[in-house]
């Protein structure tokens, strides 16, 4: 995996976590994602783990 794609995967994971944090703080509201907060954080963590391999 190239360095560019690793950085892109990490960036996507950070954006996912930022959206989840903003949803928790009440800054944004995305009702379709509200029930999947836990699983989205697990997916973001897995993405970071795979990108750091």
N, C-alpha and C. Protein backbone atom coordinates (compact mmCIF):
# COMPACT_ATOMS: atom_id res chain seq x y z
N UNK A 1 0.84 -1.16 0.00
CA UNK A 1 0.00 0.00 0.00
C UNK A 1 0.90 1.24 0.00
N UNK A 2 0.58 2.17 -0.85
CA UNK A 2 1.41 3.36 -0.96
C UNK A 2 1.16 4.33 0.20
N UNK A 3 2.07 5.23 0.37
CA UNK A 3 1.96 6.21 1.45
C UNK A 3 0.73 7.10 1.26
N UNK A 4 0.44 7.44 0.01
CA UNK A 4 -0.71 8.30 -0.29
C UNK A 4 -2.02 7.63 0.12
N UNK A 5 -2.16 6.36 -0.19
CA UNK A 5 -3.40 5.67 0.18
C UNK A 5 -3.50 5.47 1.69
N UNK A 6 -2.38 5.25 2.37
CA UNK A 6 -2.42 5.16 3.83
C UNK A 6 -2.89 6.46 4.45
N UNK A 7 -2.36 7.56 3.95
CA UNK A 7 -2.77 8.86 4.48
C UNK A 7 -4.24 9.14 4.19
N UNK A 8 -4.72 8.71 3.04
CA UNK A 8 -6.12 8.90 2.69
C UNK A 8 -7.03 8.09 3.61
N UNK A 9 -6.65 6.85 3.90
CA UNK A 9 -7.44 6.01 4.80
C UNK A 9 -7.48 6.62 6.20
N UNK A 10 -6.33 7.12 6.66
CA UNK A 10 -6.30 7.77 7.98
C UNK A 10 -7.16 9.02 7.99
N UNK A 11 -7.14 9.79 6.91
CA UNK A 11 -7.95 10.99 6.82
C UNK A 11 -9.44 10.67 6.88
N UNK A 12 -9.85 9.64 6.17
CA UNK A 12 -11.26 9.23 6.19
C UNK A 12 -11.66 8.79 7.59
N UNK A 13 -10.79 8.07 8.28
CA UNK A 13 -11.09 7.63 9.64
C UNK A 13 -11.23 8.83 10.58
N UNK A 14 -10.38 9.82 10.42
CA UNK A 14 -10.47 11.02 11.26
C UNK A 14 -11.76 11.78 10.98
N UNK A 15 -12.16 11.87 9.73
CA UNK A 15 -13.41 12.55 9.40
C UNK A 15 -14.60 11.81 10.00
N UNK A 16 -14.58 10.49 9.96
CA UNK A 16 -15.67 9.71 10.57
C UNK A 16 -15.76 10.00 12.06
N UNK A 17 -14.62 10.00 12.74
CA UNK A 17 -14.62 10.26 14.18
C UNK A 17 -15.06 11.69 14.48
N UNK A 18 -14.62 12.66 13.68
CA UNK A 18 -15.06 14.04 13.90
C UNK A 18 -16.57 14.19 13.75
N UNK A 19 -17.13 13.53 12.76
CA UNK A 19 -18.60 13.57 12.58
C UNK A 19 -19.29 12.97 13.80
N UNK A 20 -18.76 11.86 14.31
CA UNK A 20 -19.36 11.23 15.49
C UNK A 20 -19.25 12.12 16.71
N UNK A 21 -18.12 12.78 16.89
CA UNK A 21 -17.95 13.68 18.03
C UNK A 21 -18.91 14.87 17.92
N UNK A 22 -19.02 15.44 16.74
CA UNK A 22 -19.94 16.56 16.56
C UNK A 22 -21.38 16.14 16.76
N UNK A 23 -21.72 14.91 16.39
CA UNK A 23 -23.07 14.41 16.65
C UNK A 23 -23.30 14.26 18.15
N UNK A 24 -22.30 13.80 18.87
CA UNK A 24 -22.44 13.62 20.31
C UNK A 24 -22.58 14.97 21.02
N UNK A 25 -21.88 15.98 20.52
CA UNK A 25 -21.96 17.31 21.11
C UNK A 25 -23.22 18.07 20.70
N UNK A 26 -23.93 17.56 19.72
CA UNK A 26 -25.16 18.20 19.28
C UNK A 26 -24.93 19.30 18.26
N UNK A 27 -23.75 19.40 17.70
CA UNK A 27 -23.45 20.43 16.71
C UNK A 27 -24.10 20.08 15.38
N UNK A 28 -24.05 18.82 15.00
CA UNK A 28 -24.74 18.36 13.80
C UNK A 28 -25.66 17.20 14.18
N UNK A 29 -26.65 16.96 13.34
CA UNK A 29 -27.57 15.86 13.60
C UNK A 29 -27.78 15.08 12.31
N UNK A 30 -27.38 13.82 12.34
CA UNK A 30 -27.62 12.93 11.20
C UNK A 30 -28.37 11.72 11.77
N UNK A 31 -29.69 11.76 11.72
CA UNK A 31 -30.48 10.69 12.35
C UNK A 31 -30.19 9.30 11.80
N UNK A 32 -29.83 9.19 10.54
CA UNK A 32 -29.58 7.88 9.95
C UNK A 32 -28.33 7.22 10.55
N UNK A 33 -27.39 8.02 11.06
CA UNK A 33 -26.16 7.47 11.63
C UNK A 33 -26.21 7.35 13.14
N UNK A 34 -27.24 7.87 13.76
CA UNK A 34 -27.30 7.91 15.22
C UNK A 34 -27.26 6.51 15.85
N UNK A 35 -27.86 5.55 15.21
CA UNK A 35 -27.88 4.20 15.78
C UNK A 35 -26.60 3.43 15.52
N UNK A 36 -25.74 3.95 14.65
CA UNK A 36 -24.52 3.24 14.28
C UNK A 36 -23.25 3.90 14.81
N UNK A 37 -23.37 4.73 15.84
CA UNK A 37 -22.19 5.44 16.35
C UNK A 37 -21.09 4.49 16.78
N UNK A 38 -21.45 3.47 17.53
CA UNK A 38 -20.45 2.53 18.02
C UNK A 38 -19.75 1.83 16.87
N UNK A 39 -20.51 1.32 15.92
CA UNK A 39 -19.92 0.56 14.82
C UNK A 39 -19.09 1.44 13.90
N UNK A 40 -19.48 2.68 13.72
CA UNK A 40 -18.68 3.59 12.92
C UNK A 40 -17.34 3.88 13.59
N UNK A 41 -17.34 3.99 14.91
CA UNK A 41 -16.06 4.21 15.61
C UNK A 41 -15.19 2.96 15.53
N UNK A 42 -15.79 1.77 15.57
CA UNK A 42 -15.02 0.54 15.41
C UNK A 42 -14.42 0.46 14.01
N UNK A 43 -15.18 0.82 13.01
CA UNK A 43 -14.70 0.81 11.62
C UNK A 43 -13.56 1.81 11.46
N UNK A 44 -13.69 3.00 12.03
CA UNK A 44 -12.63 4.01 11.92
C UNK A 44 -11.36 3.52 12.61
N UNK A 45 -11.50 2.89 13.76
CA UNK A 45 -10.33 2.36 14.46
C UNK A 45 -9.66 1.27 13.64
N UNK A 46 -10.44 0.41 13.02
CA UNK A 46 -9.90 -0.66 12.18
C UNK A 46 -9.19 -0.08 10.96
N UNK A 47 -9.73 0.99 10.41
CA UNK A 47 -9.09 1.64 9.27
C UNK A 47 -7.71 2.17 9.64
N UNK A 48 -7.62 2.78 10.82
CA UNK A 48 -6.32 3.29 11.28
C UNK A 48 -5.35 2.15 11.51
N UNK A 49 -5.83 1.06 12.08
CA UNK A 49 -4.96 -0.10 12.31
C UNK A 49 -4.45 -0.67 10.99
N UNK A 50 -5.32 -0.79 10.01
CA UNK A 50 -4.90 -1.32 8.72
C UNK A 50 -3.95 -0.37 7.99
N UNK A 51 -4.16 0.92 8.14
CA UNK A 51 -3.30 1.88 7.46
C UNK A 51 -1.93 1.96 8.11
N UNK A 52 -1.82 1.62 9.36
CA UNK A 52 -0.52 1.71 10.04
C UNK A 52 0.29 0.43 9.91
N UNK A 53 -0.26 -0.58 9.29
CA UNK A 53 0.43 -1.85 9.08
C UNK A 53 1.58 -1.76 8.15
